[in-house]
Amino acid sequence: MPELAQWAVTSLHLAMDGTLWIGTENSLIVKHEPKTGAFVLIPLTPLLELDAEFGNEVQCMHQDSNQTLWIGTEEYGAIRYEQ
């Protein structure tokens, strides 16, 4: 995935279903789907709407028992991402 090379990877999370989630420094997460091998760029809209120049990097990710992905950011707290 050439696009990923332009962003610093700040966190990784392997989900229960084998999906790899990649957090970046620029309000983006990348989803790697193991069945297809596809990479999908997902902008974190709440952070983009803040138009924040700093503090928008993904610090950590966690999937709860309901398979909701929680994304921790540098300055703006947690974001719930439901697929």
N, C-alpha and C. Protein backbone atom coordinates (compact mmCIF):
# COMPACT_ATOMS: atom_id res chain seq x y z
N MET A 1 0.84 -1.17 0.00
CA MET A 1 0.00 0.00 0.00
C MET A 1 0.89 1.23 0.00
N PRO A 2 1.10 1.86 -1.14
CA PRO A 2 2.01 3.00 -1.22
C PRO A 2 1.55 4.20 -0.40
N GLU A 3 0.25 4.43 -0.26
CA GLU A 3 -0.24 5.59 0.48
C GLU A 3 0.20 5.55 1.94
N LEU A 4 0.30 4.36 2.51
CA LEU A 4 0.66 4.23 3.92
C LEU A 4 2.08 4.73 4.19
N ALA A 5 2.92 4.69 3.20
CA ALA A 5 4.31 5.10 3.38
C ALA A 5 4.45 6.58 3.73
N GLN A 6 3.45 7.39 3.42
CA GLN A 6 3.56 8.82 3.70
C GLN A 6 3.15 9.20 5.12
N TRP A 7 2.63 8.27 5.91
CA TRP A 7 2.23 8.56 7.28
C TRP A 7 3.02 7.69 8.26
N ALA A 8 3.29 8.27 9.41
CA ALA A 8 3.94 7.49 10.46
C ALA A 8 2.90 6.58 11.12
N VAL A 9 3.24 5.32 11.26
CA VAL A 9 2.35 4.38 11.95
C VAL A 9 2.57 4.56 13.44
N THR A 10 1.47 4.78 14.18
CA THR A 10 1.57 5.05 15.61
C THR A 10 1.01 3.94 16.47
N SER A 11 0.19 3.06 15.89
CA SER A 11 -0.35 1.94 16.68
C SER A 11 -0.86 0.85 15.75
N LEU A 12 -0.90 -0.36 16.30
CA LEU A 12 -1.42 -1.52 15.58
C LEU A 12 -2.38 -2.26 16.49
N HIS A 13 -3.42 -2.86 15.89
CA HIS A 13 -4.33 -3.69 16.66
C HIS A 13 -4.81 -4.84 15.77
N LEU A 14 -4.66 -6.06 16.26
CA LEU A 14 -5.15 -7.24 15.55
C LEU A 14 -6.50 -7.61 16.16
N ALA A 15 -7.57 -7.48 15.40
CA ALA A 15 -8.93 -7.74 15.88
C ALA A 15 -9.21 -9.24 15.98
N MET A 16 -10.30 -9.55 16.67
CA MET A 16 -10.69 -10.94 16.87
C MET A 16 -10.90 -11.70 15.57
N ASP A 17 -11.33 -11.00 14.52
CA ASP A 17 -11.61 -11.65 13.24
C ASP A 17 -10.40 -11.70 12.32
N GLY A 18 -9.23 -11.26 12.82
CA GLY A 18 -8.02 -11.29 12.02
C GLY A 18 -7.74 -10.00 11.25
N THR A 19 -8.63 -9.04 11.35
CA THR A 19 -8.42 -7.76 10.69
C THR A 19 -7.31 -7.00 11.41
N LEU A 20 -6.39 -6.45 10.66
CA LEU A 20 -5.32 -5.64 11.22
C LEU A 20 -5.71 -4.17 11.07
N TRP A 21 -5.71 -3.45 12.19
CA TRP A 21 -6.00 -2.02 12.20
C TRP A 21 -4.68 -1.29 12.42
N ILE A 22 -4.43 -0.28 11.61
CA ILE A 22 -3.19 0.48 11.67
C ILE A 22 -3.55 1.94 11.96
N GLY A 23 -3.05 2.47 13.07
CA GLY A 23 -3.29 3.87 13.41
C GLY A 23 -2.15 4.73 12.89
N THR A 24 -2.48 5.95 12.46
CA THR A 24 -1.46 6.85 11.93
C THR A 24 -1.46 8.18 12.68
N GLU A 25 -0.53 9.02 12.30
CA GLU A 25 -0.40 10.32 12.93
C GLU A 25 -1.35 11.36 12.34
N ASN A 26 -2.07 11.06 11.29
CA ASN A 26 -2.84 12.06 10.57
C ASN A 26 -4.33 11.79 10.54
N SER A 27 -4.94 11.47 11.66
CA SER A 27 -6.40 11.27 11.74
C SER A 27 -6.89 10.18 10.81
N LEU A 28 -6.07 9.17 10.60
CA LEU A 28 -6.47 8.06 9.74
C LEU A 28 -6.23 6.74 10.44
N ILE A 29 -7.10 5.80 10.12
CA ILE A 29 -6.79 4.42 10.45
C ILE A 29 -6.84 3.65 9.13
N VAL A 30 -6.11 2.59 9.07
CA VAL A 30 -6.07 1.74 7.89
C VAL A 30 -6.53 0.36 8.32
N LYS A 31 -7.45 -0.19 7.56
CA LYS A 31 -7.99 -1.52 7.85
C LYS A 31 -7.45 -2.48 6.80
N HIS A 32 -6.79 -3.55 7.27
CA HIS A 32 -6.33 -4.60 6.35
C HIS A 32 -7.24 -5.80 6.52
N GLU A 33 -7.95 -6.13 5.47
CA GLU A 33 -8.90 -7.24 5.50
C GLU A 33 -8.18 -8.52 5.08
N PRO A 34 -8.08 -9.49 6.00
CA PRO A 34 -7.29 -10.69 5.71
C PRO A 34 -7.86 -11.56 4.60
N LYS A 35 -9.17 -11.58 4.43
CA LYS A 35 -9.78 -12.46 3.42
C LYS A 35 -9.47 -12.00 2.00
N THR A 36 -9.43 -10.67 1.81
CA THR A 36 -9.22 -10.14 0.46
C THR A 36 -7.81 -9.58 0.27
N GLY A 37 -7.12 -9.30 1.37
CA GLY A 37 -5.80 -8.68 1.29
C GLY A 37 -5.87 -7.19 1.03
N ALA A 38 -7.08 -6.63 1.02
CA ALA A 38 -7.27 -5.21 0.72
C ALA A 38 -6.93 -4.33 1.91
N PHE A 39 -6.42 -3.15 1.61
CA PHE A 39 -6.20 -2.10 2.60
C PHE A 39 -7.24 -1.01 2.36
N VAL A 40 -7.88 -0.55 3.42
CA VAL A 40 -8.91 0.48 3.30
C VAL A 40 -8.52 1.65 4.20
N LEU A 41 -8.42 2.84 3.63
CA LEU A 41 -8.14 4.05 4.40
C LEU A 41 -9.44 4.57 4.99
N ILE A 42 -9.45 4.83 6.29
CA ILE A 42 -10.65 5.32 6.97
C ILE A 42 -10.29 6.61 7.71
N PRO A 43 -10.77 7.76 7.21
CA PRO A 43 -10.50 9.01 7.93
C PRO A 43 -11.33 9.07 9.21
N LEU A 44 -10.75 9.57 10.28
CA LEU A 44 -11.48 9.74 11.53
C LEU A 44 -12.18 11.10 11.48
N THR A 45 -13.37 11.10 10.96
CA THR A 45 -14.12 12.33 10.70
C THR A 45 -14.21 13.27 11.90
N PRO A 46 -14.48 12.78 13.13
CA PRO A 46 -14.54 13.74 14.25
C PRO A 46 -13.27 14.55 14.41
N LEU A 47 -12.11 13.93 14.17
CA LEU A 47 -10.85 14.66 14.28
C LEU A 47 -10.64 15.60 13.11
N LEU A 48 -11.05 15.18 11.93
CA LEU A 48 -10.89 16.03 10.76
C LEU A 48 -11.77 17.27 10.87
N GLU A 49 -12.96 17.11 11.46
CA GLU A 49 -13.86 18.25 11.62
C GLU A 49 -13.30 19.28 12.59
N LEU A 50 -12.46 18.86 13.52
CA LEU A 50 -11.82 19.80 14.44
C LEU A 50 -10.75 20.62 13.74
N ASP A 51 -10.32 20.16 12.56
CA ASP A 51 -9.27 20.83 11.80
C ASP A 51 -8.04 21.06 12.66
N ALA A 52 -7.72 20.05 13.46
CA ALA A 52 -6.61 20.16 14.39
C ALA A 52 -5.30 19.87 13.67
N GLU A 53 -4.35 20.75 13.84
CA GLU A 53 -3.05 20.53 13.23
C GLU A 53 -2.22 19.56 14.05
N PHE A 54 -2.40 19.61 15.38
CA PHE A 54 -1.66 18.74 16.28
C PHE A 54 -2.63 17.99 17.18
N GLY A 55 -2.18 16.88 17.73
CA GLY A 55 -2.98 16.14 18.70
C GLY A 55 -3.95 15.16 18.11
N ASN A 56 -3.90 14.96 16.80
CA ASN A 56 -4.87 14.09 16.16
C ASN A 56 -4.33 12.69 15.86
N GLU A 57 -3.18 12.36 16.40
CA GLU A 57 -2.64 11.05 16.06
C GLU A 57 -3.28 9.95 16.91
N VAL A 58 -3.43 8.81 16.29
CA VAL A 58 -3.99 7.63 16.95
C VAL A 58 -2.90 7.04 17.86
N GLN A 59 -3.19 6.96 19.15
CA GLN A 59 -2.22 6.46 20.12
C GLN A 59 -2.39 4.97 20.41
N CYS A 60 -3.65 4.52 20.43
CA CYS A 60 -3.91 3.12 20.76
C CYS A 60 -5.29 2.73 20.24
N MET A 61 -5.51 1.42 20.16
CA MET A 61 -6.81 0.89 19.73
C MET A 61 -7.13 -0.34 20.57
N HIS A 62 -8.43 -0.54 20.82
CA HIS A 62 -8.88 -1.68 21.62
C HIS A 62 -10.25 -2.11 21.10
N GLN A 63 -10.47 -3.39 20.98
CA GLN A 63 -11.76 -3.92 20.57
C GLN A 63 -12.43 -4.55 21.78
N ASP A 64 -13.67 -4.12 22.07
CA ASP A 64 -14.37 -4.67 23.22
C ASP A 64 -15.13 -5.94 22.85
N SER A 65 -15.85 -6.51 23.80
CA SER A 65 -16.55 -7.78 23.59
C SER A 65 -17.68 -7.68 22.58
N ASN A 66 -18.14 -6.48 22.28
CA ASN A 66 -19.17 -6.26 21.26
C ASN A 66 -18.56 -6.00 19.88
N GLN A 67 -17.26 -6.15 19.77
CA GLN A 67 -16.49 -5.92 18.56
C GLN A 67 -16.49 -4.46 18.13
N THR A 68 -16.73 -3.56 19.07
CA THR A 68 -16.59 -2.13 18.82
C THR A 68 -15.12 -1.77 18.96
N LEU A 69 -14.59 -1.03 18.01
CA LEU A 69 -13.20 -0.60 18.06
C LEU A 69 -13.14 0.77 18.73
N TRP A 70 -12.36 0.86 19.78
CA TRP A 70 -12.14 2.13 20.48
C TRP A 70 -10.77 2.64 20.08
N ILE A 71 -10.72 3.91 19.69
CA ILE A 71 -9.50 4.52 19.19
C ILE A 71 -9.11 5.65 20.13
N GLY A 72 -7.95 5.52 20.75
CA GLY A 72 -7.46 6.57 21.64
C GLY A 72 -6.58 7.53 20.87
N THR A 73 -6.85 8.84 21.03
CA THR A 73 -6.09 9.84 20.31
C THR A 73 -5.20 10.63 21.26
N GLU A 74 -4.26 11.34 20.70
CA GLU A 74 -3.26 12.05 21.49
C GLU A 74 -3.89 13.13 22.37
N GLU A 75 -4.79 13.93 21.84
CA GLU A 75 -5.33 15.06 22.58
C GLU A 75 -6.85 15.05 22.72
N TYR A 76 -7.54 14.27 21.91
CA TYR A 76 -9.00 14.39 21.84
C TYR A 76 -9.76 13.22 22.42
N GLY A 77 -9.10 12.38 23.18
CA GLY A 77 -9.79 11.30 23.87
C GLY A 77 -10.11 10.12 22.98
N ALA A 78 -11.13 9.38 23.38
CA ALA A 78 -11.49 8.13 22.70
C ALA A 78 -12.58 8.37 21.67
N ILE A 79 -12.48 7.63 20.58
CA ILE A 79 -13.49 7.65 19.52
C ILE A 79 -13.99 6.22 19.37
N ARG A 80 -15.29 6.05 19.32
CA ARG A 80 -15.88 4.72 19.12
C ARG A 80 -16.12 4.54 17.63
N TYR A 81 -15.60 3.44 17.09
CA TYR A 81 -15.78 3.14 15.67
C TYR A 81 -16.51 1.81 15.58
N GLU A 82 -17.73 1.86 15.02
CA GLU A 82 -18.50 0.64 14.82
C GLU A 82 -18.55 0.34 13.33
N GLN A 83 -18.29 -0.88 13.01
CA GLN A 83 -18.25 -1.29 11.60
C GLN A 83 -19.63 -1.55 11.05
